[in-house]
Amino acid sequence: MNIDGSEWQAIQRTTTPFDKYTPQLKVVGNELYYVWEESDGKVRQVWTAVVNKDGTGWRSEKRTKSLMENTILSFKSLATGSIYVCMKIMASPSPSG
């Protein structure tokens, strides 16, 4: 997409069969940063990704692996170019003894 919004093209970057929720986007320099919640079939997990402005170099990573729900609380970019994701990560139930 051009800076004026023209030539928009939708491209699916995620390939899992699960539902995605609460997507957020930040532009920092020449990169676009994404964060979203995605079901893993049981609970929501938090994912992040980065891609160059020209659409090349997509890299995504599952950031949580808890057996309980995880949610995004905030997604911030700083003037320094740093990106922060604040998540609520639920603890896994402890084994009963």
N, C-alpha and C. Protein backbone atom coordinates (compact mmCIF):
# COMPACT_ATOMS: atom_id res chain seq x y z
N MET A 1 0.84 -1.17 0.00
CA MET A 1 0.00 0.00 0.00
C MET A 1 0.89 1.23 0.00
N ASN A 2 0.50 2.21 -0.76
CA ASN A 2 1.22 3.48 -0.77
C ASN A 2 0.83 4.31 0.44
N ILE A 3 1.66 5.27 0.78
CA ILE A 3 1.41 6.10 1.95
C ILE A 3 0.07 6.82 1.89
N ASP A 4 -0.43 7.09 0.68
CA ASP A 4 -1.72 7.78 0.55
C ASP A 4 -2.90 6.81 0.63
N GLY A 5 -2.62 5.52 0.86
CA GLY A 5 -3.67 4.52 1.00
C GLY A 5 -4.05 3.82 -0.29
N SER A 6 -3.47 4.24 -1.40
CA SER A 6 -3.80 3.60 -2.67
C SER A 6 -3.04 2.28 -2.81
N GLU A 7 -3.50 1.46 -3.72
CA GLU A 7 -2.91 0.17 -4.04
C GLU A 7 -2.87 -0.80 -2.86
N TRP A 8 -3.92 -0.74 -2.02
CA TRP A 8 -4.04 -1.66 -0.89
C TRP A 8 -4.23 -3.08 -1.42
N GLN A 9 -3.51 -4.03 -0.84
CA GLN A 9 -3.66 -5.45 -1.18
C GLN A 9 -3.74 -6.24 0.11
N ALA A 10 -4.80 -7.00 0.26
CA ALA A 10 -4.93 -7.88 1.43
C ALA A 10 -4.10 -9.13 1.19
N ILE A 11 -3.23 -9.47 2.15
CA ILE A 11 -2.40 -10.67 2.05
C ILE A 11 -2.51 -11.42 3.37
N GLN A 12 -2.95 -12.66 3.33
CA GLN A 12 -3.04 -13.46 4.55
C GLN A 12 -1.65 -13.94 4.92
N ARG A 13 -1.22 -13.61 6.13
CA ARG A 13 0.13 -13.99 6.58
C ARG A 13 0.09 -15.14 7.59
N THR A 14 -1.03 -15.30 8.27
CA THR A 14 -1.14 -16.37 9.27
C THR A 14 -1.73 -17.60 8.59
N THR A 15 -1.28 -18.76 9.01
CA THR A 15 -1.71 -19.98 8.33
C THR A 15 -2.36 -21.01 9.25
N THR A 16 -2.47 -20.72 10.54
CA THR A 16 -3.10 -21.68 11.44
C THR A 16 -4.61 -21.67 11.22
N PRO A 17 -5.30 -22.77 11.51
CA PRO A 17 -6.73 -22.84 11.28
C PRO A 17 -7.56 -22.20 12.40
N PHE A 18 -6.92 -21.57 13.37
CA PHE A 18 -7.63 -21.06 14.54
C PHE A 18 -8.03 -19.60 14.39
N ASP A 19 -9.02 -19.19 15.19
CA ASP A 19 -9.51 -17.81 15.18
C ASP A 19 -8.45 -16.86 15.74
N LYS A 20 -8.40 -15.65 15.18
CA LYS A 20 -7.51 -14.60 15.65
C LYS A 20 -8.36 -13.47 16.23
N TYR A 21 -7.84 -12.77 17.26
CA TYR A 21 -8.60 -11.74 17.96
C TYR A 21 -7.72 -10.51 18.21
N THR A 22 -8.35 -9.39 18.38
CA THR A 22 -7.77 -8.12 18.82
C THR A 22 -6.45 -7.76 18.13
N PRO A 23 -6.41 -7.76 16.79
CA PRO A 23 -5.16 -7.40 16.12
C PRO A 23 -4.82 -5.92 16.32
N GLN A 24 -3.54 -5.64 16.48
CA GLN A 24 -3.06 -4.27 16.63
C GLN A 24 -1.82 -4.11 15.76
N LEU A 25 -1.58 -2.89 15.30
CA LEU A 25 -0.49 -2.60 14.37
C LEU A 25 0.22 -1.32 14.78
N LYS A 26 1.54 -1.33 14.67
CA LYS A 26 2.37 -0.14 14.90
C LYS A 26 3.38 -0.04 13.78
N VAL A 27 3.63 1.17 13.30
CA VAL A 27 4.66 1.42 12.29
C VAL A 27 5.82 2.12 12.98
N VAL A 28 7.01 1.54 12.86
CA VAL A 28 8.22 2.13 13.43
C VAL A 28 9.30 2.06 12.37
N GLY A 29 9.75 3.22 11.92
CA GLY A 29 10.76 3.24 10.87
C GLY A 29 10.24 2.60 9.61
N ASN A 30 10.96 1.63 9.11
CA ASN A 30 10.57 0.93 7.88
C ASN A 30 9.92 -0.42 8.14
N GLU A 31 9.43 -0.63 9.38
CA GLU A 31 8.83 -1.91 9.72
C GLU A 31 7.44 -1.72 10.32
N LEU A 32 6.59 -2.72 10.12
CA LEU A 32 5.26 -2.78 10.72
C LEU A 32 5.28 -3.90 11.74
N TYR A 33 4.81 -3.60 12.95
CA TYR A 33 4.76 -4.57 14.03
C TYR A 33 3.31 -4.90 14.33
N TYR A 34 3.04 -6.19 14.53
CA TYR A 34 1.69 -6.67 14.80
C TYR A 34 1.68 -7.44 16.11
N VAL A 35 0.54 -7.43 16.76
CA VAL A 35 0.30 -8.30 17.90
C VAL A 35 -1.16 -8.73 17.82
N TRP A 36 -1.43 -9.98 18.18
CA TRP A 36 -2.81 -10.46 18.18
C TRP A 36 -2.92 -11.65 19.12
N GLU A 37 -4.15 -11.94 19.50
CA GLU A 37 -4.45 -13.13 20.28
C GLU A 37 -4.99 -14.17 19.32
N GLU A 38 -4.60 -15.42 19.53
CA GLU A 38 -5.02 -16.49 18.64
C GLU A 38 -5.33 -17.74 19.45
N SER A 39 -6.46 -18.34 19.17
CA SER A 39 -6.79 -19.59 19.84
C SER A 39 -5.82 -20.67 19.37
N ASP A 40 -5.45 -21.55 20.28
CA ASP A 40 -4.64 -22.70 19.88
C ASP A 40 -5.50 -23.96 19.88
N GLY A 41 -6.81 -23.74 19.86
CA GLY A 41 -7.76 -24.85 19.91
C GLY A 41 -8.34 -25.05 21.29
N LYS A 42 -7.68 -24.46 22.30
CA LYS A 42 -8.15 -24.58 23.68
C LYS A 42 -8.26 -23.22 24.35
N VAL A 43 -7.20 -22.43 24.29
CA VAL A 43 -7.18 -21.10 24.92
C VAL A 43 -6.51 -20.10 23.99
N ARG A 44 -6.65 -18.82 24.31
CA ARG A 44 -5.99 -17.78 23.51
C ARG A 44 -4.52 -17.64 23.90
N GLN A 45 -3.67 -17.52 22.88
CA GLN A 45 -2.25 -17.28 23.07
C GLN A 45 -1.93 -15.94 22.40
N VAL A 46 -0.81 -15.32 22.77
CA VAL A 46 -0.40 -14.04 22.20
C VAL A 46 0.70 -14.29 21.17
N TRP A 47 0.52 -13.69 19.98
CA TRP A 47 1.47 -13.77 18.88
C TRP A 47 1.96 -12.37 18.54
N THR A 48 3.20 -12.26 18.05
CA THR A 48 3.72 -11.01 17.50
C THR A 48 4.32 -11.29 16.14
N ALA A 49 4.43 -10.24 15.33
CA ALA A 49 5.05 -10.37 14.01
C ALA A 49 5.62 -9.03 13.60
N VAL A 50 6.55 -9.08 12.65
CA VAL A 50 7.12 -7.87 12.06
C VAL A 50 7.29 -8.13 10.57
N VAL A 51 7.11 -7.08 9.78
CA VAL A 51 7.28 -7.16 8.33
C VAL A 51 7.82 -5.83 7.84
N ASN A 52 8.60 -5.85 6.80
CA ASN A 52 9.09 -4.60 6.20
C ASN A 52 7.93 -3.86 5.54
N LYS A 53 8.05 -2.54 5.42
CA LYS A 53 6.98 -1.75 4.80
C LYS A 53 6.65 -2.21 3.39
N ASP A 54 7.62 -2.77 2.69
CA ASP A 54 7.34 -3.24 1.32
C ASP A 54 6.71 -4.63 1.30
N GLY A 55 6.42 -5.19 2.49
CA GLY A 55 5.75 -6.48 2.57
C GLY A 55 6.66 -7.68 2.64
N THR A 56 7.95 -7.47 2.56
CA THR A 56 8.90 -8.59 2.61
C THR A 56 9.34 -8.86 4.05
N GLY A 57 9.84 -10.06 4.27
CA GLY A 57 10.48 -10.38 5.55
C GLY A 57 9.53 -10.68 6.69
N TRP A 58 8.33 -11.19 6.42
CA TRP A 58 7.37 -11.51 7.50
C TRP A 58 7.97 -12.52 8.46
N ARG A 59 7.94 -12.18 9.77
CA ARG A 59 8.40 -13.08 10.83
C ARG A 59 7.38 -13.03 11.95
N SER A 60 6.84 -14.18 12.33
CA SER A 60 5.87 -14.22 13.43
C SER A 60 6.33 -15.21 14.49
N GLU A 61 5.87 -14.98 15.72
CA GLU A 61 6.28 -15.85 16.82
C GLU A 61 5.17 -15.92 17.87
N LYS A 62 4.87 -17.13 18.30
CA LYS A 62 3.94 -17.34 19.41
C LYS A 62 4.67 -17.00 20.69
N ARG A 63 4.14 -16.04 21.47
CA ARG A 63 4.85 -15.54 22.65
C ARG A 63 4.42 -16.19 23.95
N THR A 64 3.28 -16.84 23.97
CA THR A 64 2.81 -17.49 25.21
C THR A 64 2.53 -18.96 24.92
N LYS A 65 2.61 -19.76 25.97
CA LYS A 65 2.33 -21.18 25.84
C LYS A 65 1.57 -21.70 27.06
N SER A 66 0.88 -20.80 27.74
CA SER A 66 0.15 -21.14 28.95
C SER A 66 -1.03 -22.05 28.63
N LEU A 67 -1.42 -22.85 29.59
CA LEU A 67 -2.61 -23.71 29.44
C LEU A 67 -3.88 -22.96 29.78
N MET A 68 -3.74 -21.67 30.15
CA MET A 68 -4.90 -20.84 30.48
C MET A 68 -4.89 -19.61 29.58
N GLU A 69 -5.98 -18.83 29.57
CA GLU A 69 -6.12 -17.68 28.69
C GLU A 69 -5.01 -16.65 28.87
N ASN A 70 -4.60 -16.03 27.76
CA ASN A 70 -3.61 -14.95 27.73
C ASN A 70 -4.24 -13.78 26.98
N THR A 71 -4.02 -12.56 27.43
CA THR A 71 -4.60 -11.41 26.76
C THR A 71 -3.58 -10.29 26.62
N ILE A 72 -3.78 -9.45 25.61
CA ILE A 72 -2.94 -8.28 25.39
C ILE A 72 -3.52 -7.13 26.20
N LEU A 73 -2.70 -6.51 27.03
CA LEU A 73 -3.14 -5.35 27.80
C LEU A 73 -2.80 -4.06 27.09
N SER A 74 -1.61 -3.97 26.50
CA SER A 74 -1.24 -2.77 25.74
C SER A 74 -0.12 -3.10 24.76
N PHE A 75 0.00 -2.25 23.74
CA PHE A 75 0.98 -2.42 22.68
C PHE A 75 1.52 -1.03 22.39
N LYS A 76 2.77 -0.76 22.70
CA LYS A 76 3.33 0.59 22.62
C LYS A 76 4.61 0.62 21.79
N SER A 77 4.80 1.74 21.12
CA SER A 77 6.09 2.01 20.47
C SER A 77 6.65 3.28 21.10
N LEU A 78 7.94 3.28 21.34
CA LEU A 78 8.61 4.42 21.95
C LEU A 78 9.38 5.21 20.90
N ALA A 79 9.71 6.44 21.21
CA ALA A 79 10.48 7.29 20.30
C ALA A 79 11.83 6.66 19.96
N THR A 80 12.34 5.81 20.83
CA THR A 80 13.62 5.14 20.58
C THR A 80 13.51 4.05 19.52
N GLY A 81 12.26 3.71 19.14
CA GLY A 81 12.03 2.64 18.17
C GLY A 81 11.74 1.30 18.82
N SER A 82 11.77 1.26 20.15
CA SER A 82 11.46 0.01 20.85
C SER A 82 9.96 -0.26 20.84
N ILE A 83 9.59 -1.52 20.80
CA ILE A 83 8.19 -1.96 20.83
C ILE A 83 7.98 -2.77 22.10
N TYR A 84 6.89 -2.51 22.80
CA TYR A 84 6.57 -3.24 24.02
C TYR A 84 5.16 -3.78 23.94
N VAL A 85 5.00 -5.03 24.35
CA VAL A 85 3.69 -5.65 24.47
C VAL A 85 3.51 -6.04 25.92
N CYS A 86 2.47 -5.54 26.54
CA CYS A 86 2.16 -5.90 27.91
C CYS A 86 1.05 -6.95 27.85
N MET A 87 1.30 -8.12 28.42
CA MET A 87 0.35 -9.23 28.35
C MET A 87 -0.05 -9.68 29.73
N LYS A 88 -1.25 -10.20 29.82
CA LYS A 88 -1.68 -10.88 31.03
C LYS A 88 -1.54 -12.35 30.74
N ILE A 89 -0.59 -12.99 31.39
CA ILE A 89 -0.32 -14.41 31.17
C ILE A 89 -0.81 -15.16 32.40
N MET A 90 -1.77 -16.00 32.20
CA MET A 90 -2.33 -16.76 33.29
C MET A 90 -1.40 -17.92 33.64
N ALA A 91 -1.23 -18.17 34.92
CA ALA A 91 -0.37 -19.28 35.35
C ALA A 91 -1.10 -20.60 35.08
N SER A 92 -0.33 -21.57 34.74
CA SER A 92 -0.90 -22.92 34.56
C SER A 92 -1.29 -23.47 35.93
N PRO A 93 -2.34 -24.25 35.98
CA PRO A 93 -2.73 -24.82 37.27
C PRO A 93 -1.61 -25.70 37.83
N SER A 94 -1.39 -25.60 39.13
CA SER A 94 -0.34 -26.42 39.74
C SER A 94 -0.89 -27.83 39.99
N PRO A 95 -0.01 -28.80 39.86
CA PRO A 95 -0.48 -30.19 40.09
C PRO A 95 -0.91 -30.37 41.54
N SER A 96 -1.99 -31.07 41.74
CA SER A 96 -2.43 -31.32 43.12
C SER A 96 -1.60 -32.44 43.71
N GLY A 97 -1.35 -32.30 44.98
CA GLY A 97 -0.44 -33.26 45.57
C GLY A 97 -0.95 -33.90 46.73
